[in-house]
C-alpha atoms as a PDB file:
ATOM      1  CA  MET A   1     -27.081  -6.040 -20.781  1.00  0.00           C
ATOM      2  CA  LEU A   2     -24.920  -7.162 -17.919  1.00  0.00           C
ATOM      3  CA  SER A   3     -26.153 -10.000 -15.116  1.00  0.00           C
ATOM      4  CA  ILE A   4     -26.123  -8.970 -11.696  1.00  0.00           C
ATOM      5  CA  SER A   5     -23.163 -11.268 -10.995  1.00  0.00           C
ATOM      6  CA  ARG A   6     -20.781  -9.415 -13.771  1.00  0.00           C
ATOM      7  CA  PHE A   7     -22.305  -6.195 -12.343  1.00  0.00           C
ATOM      8  CA  LEU A   8     -21.021  -7.165  -9.075  1.00  0.00           C
ATOM      9  CA  LEU A   9     -18.095  -8.349 -10.112  1.00  0.00           C
ATOM     10  CA  LYS A  10     -16.625  -5.474 -12.229  1.00  0.00           C
ATOM     11  CA  ASN A  11     -17.816  -2.693  -9.364  1.00  0.00           C
ATOM     12  CA  GLN A  12     -16.028  -5.031  -6.801  1.00  0.00           C
ATOM     13  CA  ALA A  13     -13.079  -4.620  -9.281  1.00  0.00           C
ATOM     14  CA  VAL A  14     -13.576  -0.874  -9.434  1.00  0.00           C
ATOM     15  CA  LEU A  15     -13.662  -0.838  -5.872  1.00  0.00           C
ATOM     16  CA  VAL A  16     -10.153  -2.792  -5.010  1.00  0.00           C
ATOM     17  CA  SER A  17      -8.933  -0.266  -7.409  1.00  0.00           C
ATOM     18  CA  ARG A  18      -9.572   2.494  -5.435  1.00  0.00           C
ATOM     19  CA  GLN A  19      -8.951   1.533  -2.359  1.00  0.00           C
ATOM     20  CA  LEU A  20      -5.096   0.510  -3.608  1.00  0.00           C
ATOM     21  CA  GLN A  21      -4.880   3.857  -5.006  1.00  0.00           C
ATOM     22  CA  ARG A  22      -5.839   5.558  -1.428  1.00  0.00           C
ATOM     23  CA  THR A  23      -3.521   3.580   0.068  1.00  0.00           C
ATOM     24  CA  ARG A  24      -0.516   3.880  -2.372  1.00  0.00           C
ATOM     25  CA  SER A  25      -1.336   8.167  -2.158  1.00  0.00           C
ATOM     26  CA  SER A  26      -0.566  10.357   0.348  1.00  0.00           C
ATOM     27  CA  GLN A  27      -2.709  10.749   3.988  1.00  0.00           C
ATOM     28  CA  THR A  28      -5.712  13.455   3.300  1.00  0.00           C
ATOM     29  CA  ASP A  29      -5.184  16.853   5.168  1.00  0.00           C
ATOM     30  CA  GLY A  30      -7.153  15.618   7.975  1.00  0.00           C
ATOM     31  CA  GLU A  31      -5.485  12.687   8.660  1.00  0.00           C
ATOM     32  CA  THR A  32      -2.511  14.468   8.704  1.00  0.00           C
ATOM     33  CA  ARG A  33      -3.296  17.201  10.756  1.00  0.00           C
ATOM     34  CA  ILE A  34      -4.786  14.273  13.351  1.00  0.00           C
ATOM     35  CA  ALA A  35      -1.626  12.217  13.484  1.00  0.00           C
ATOM     36  CA  HIS A  36       0.585  15.747  13.625  1.00  0.00           C
ATOM     37  CA  ILE A  37      -1.664  16.806  16.578  1.00  0.00           C
ATOM     38  CA  LEU A  38      -1.228  13.164  18.250  1.00  0.00           C
ATOM     39  CA  LYS A  39       2.885  12.421  17.724  1.00  0.00           C
ATOM     40  CA  GLU A  40       2.608  16.172  19.363  1.00  0.00           C
ATOM     41  CA  LYS A  41       1.102  14.603  22.180  1.00  0.00           C
ATOM     42  CA  PHE A  42       2.386  11.291  22.121  1.00  0.00           C
ATOM     43  CA  PRO A  43       6.500  11.342  21.715  1.00  0.00           C
ATOM     44  CA  SER A  44       7.064   8.093  22.853  1.00  0.00           C
ATOM     45  CA  ALA A  45       4.309   6.353  20.638  1.00  0.00           C
ATOM     46  CA  THR A  46       5.906   3.634  18.866  1.00  0.00           C
ATOM     47  CA  SER A  47       3.292   3.293  16.259  1.00  0.00           C
ATOM     48  CA  LEU A  48       0.742   5.402  14.664  1.00  0.00           C
ATOM     49  CA  LYS A  49      -1.882   5.197  12.026  1.00  0.00           C
ATOM     50  CA  VAL A  50      -4.785   7.506  11.311  1.00  0.00           C
ATOM     51  CA  VAL A  51      -6.901   6.993   8.501  1.00  0.00           C
ATOM     52  CA  ASP A  52     -10.146   8.628   7.160  1.00  0.00           C
ATOM     53  CA  ILE A  53     -12.824   6.368   7.393  1.00  0.00           C
ATOM     54  CA  SER A  54     -15.573   8.694   5.860  1.00  0.00           C
ATOM     55  CA  GLY A  55     -14.692   8.137   2.453  1.00  0.00           C
ATOM     56  CA  GLY A  56     -12.482  11.458   2.197  1.00  0.00           C
ATOM     57  CA  CYS A  57     -14.931  13.716   3.532  1.00  0.00           C
ATOM     58  CA  GLY A  58     -13.051  14.004   7.205  1.00  0.00           C
ATOM     59  CA  ALA A  59     -16.705  12.752   8.761  1.00  0.00           C
ATOM     60  CA  MET A  60     -14.938   9.543  10.571  1.00  0.00           C
ATOM     61  CA  TYR A  61     -11.652   8.877  11.594  1.00  0.00           C
ATOM     62  CA  GLU A  62      -9.586   5.325  13.090  1.00  0.00           C
ATOM     63  CA  VAL A  63      -6.453   5.952  15.410  1.00  0.00           C
ATOM     64  CA  HIS A  64      -4.397   2.861  15.967  1.00  0.00           C
ATOM     65  CA  ILE A  65      -1.435   4.050  18.461  1.00  0.00           C
ATOM     66  CA  GLU A  66       0.968   2.266  20.571  1.00  0.00           C
ATOM     67  CA  SER A  67       2.672   4.399  23.068  1.00  0.00           C
ATOM     68  CA  ASN A  68       4.713   4.036  26.622  1.00  0.00           C
ATOM     69  CA  GLU A  69       2.284   6.632  28.013  1.00  0.00           C
ATOM     70  CA  PHE A  70      -0.843   4.124  28.446  1.00  0.00           C
ATOM     71  CA  LYS A  71       1.290   1.701  30.424  1.00  0.00           C
ATOM     72  CA  GLY A  72      -0.822   1.343  33.376  1.00  0.00           C
ATOM     73  CA  LYS A  73      -3.975   2.578  32.253  1.00  0.00           C
ATOM     74  CA  ARG A  74      -6.954   1.355  31.661  1.00  0.00           C
ATOM     75  CA  THR A  75      -8.750   0.934  28.024  1.00  0.00           C
ATOM     76  CA  VAL A  76     -11.022   3.939  28.847  1.00  0.00           C
ATOM     77  CA  GLN A  77      -8.032   5.800  30.036  1.00  0.00           C
ATOM     78  CA  GLN A  78      -5.905   5.728  27.222  1.00  0.00           C
ATOM     79  CA  HIS A  79      -9.077   6.511  25.191  1.00  0.00           C
ATOM     80  CA  GLN A  80      -9.765   9.718  26.978  1.00  0.00           C
ATOM     81  CA  LEU A  81      -5.952  10.948  26.570  1.00  0.00           C
ATOM     82  CA  VAL A  82      -6.307  10.386  22.659  1.00  0.00           C
ATOM     83  CA  ASN A  83      -9.961  12.415  23.163  1.00  0.00           C
ATOM     84  CA  GLN A  84      -8.112  15.408  25.307  1.00  0.00           C
ATOM     85  CA  ALA A  85      -5.794  15.217  22.432  1.00  0.00           C
ATOM     86  CA  LEU A  86      -8.168  15.408  20.016  1.00  0.00           C
ATOM     87  CA  LYS A  87     -10.730  17.818  21.362  1.00  0.00           C
ATOM     88  CA  GLU A  88     -10.723  20.715  19.006  1.00  0.00           C
ATOM     89  CA  GLU A  89     -11.070  17.619  16.241  1.00  0.00           C
ATOM     90  CA  ILE A  90     -13.605  15.874  17.506  1.00  0.00           C
ATOM     91  CA  GLN A  91     -16.062  19.334  17.255  1.00  0.00           C
ATOM     92  CA  GLY A  92     -16.149  18.679  13.497  1.00  0.00           C
ATOM     93  CA  MET A  93     -16.057  14.781  13.412  1.00  0.00           C
ATOM     94  CA  HIS A  94     -19.003  12.598  13.193  1.00  0.00           C
ATOM     95  CA  GLY A  95     -17.260  10.034  15.079  1.00  0.00           C
ATOM     96  CA  LEU A  96     -14.002   8.744  16.093  1.00  0.00           C
ATOM     97  CA  ARG A  97     -12.934   5.075  16.757  1.00  0.00           C
ATOM     98  CA  ILE A  98      -9.685   5.021  18.896  1.00  0.00           C
ATOM     99  CA  PHE A  99      -7.492   1.650  19.254  1.00  0.00           C
ATOM    100  CA  THR A 100      -5.032   2.011  21.994  1.00  0.00           C
ATOM    101  CA  ASP A 101      -1.884  -0.340  23.116  1.00  0.00           C
ATOM    102  CA  VAL A 102       0.976  -0.438  24.995  1.00  0.00           C
ATOM    103  CA  PRO A 103       4.455  -1.131  22.663  1.00  0.00           C
ATOM    104  CA  ARG A 104       5.679  -4.768  23.755  1.00  0.00           C
ATOM    105  CA  GLU A 105       8.753  -4.833  25.844  1.00  0.00           C
END
């Protein structure tokens, strides 16, 4: 019988292994679709990262985007722009985390 610490260690190794496989594999369809929409809406974006944080079911995403279009806008205005761009996709989500920034000069 496995001790609790052995069990946790074994399962932690499996979790880390799955995370490594996920980072090496291609994006999910939802991540790709959202990234495409954001690239079209923010063509001057210097950095864009979309991650399905729901475990792969597409219910929750995290978006990191850096664009000159955010220059001079408050954070809430930047987030409103992202929300507007993803208006259709958001309807099918449980949540969306948004991180915006202006490129450093």
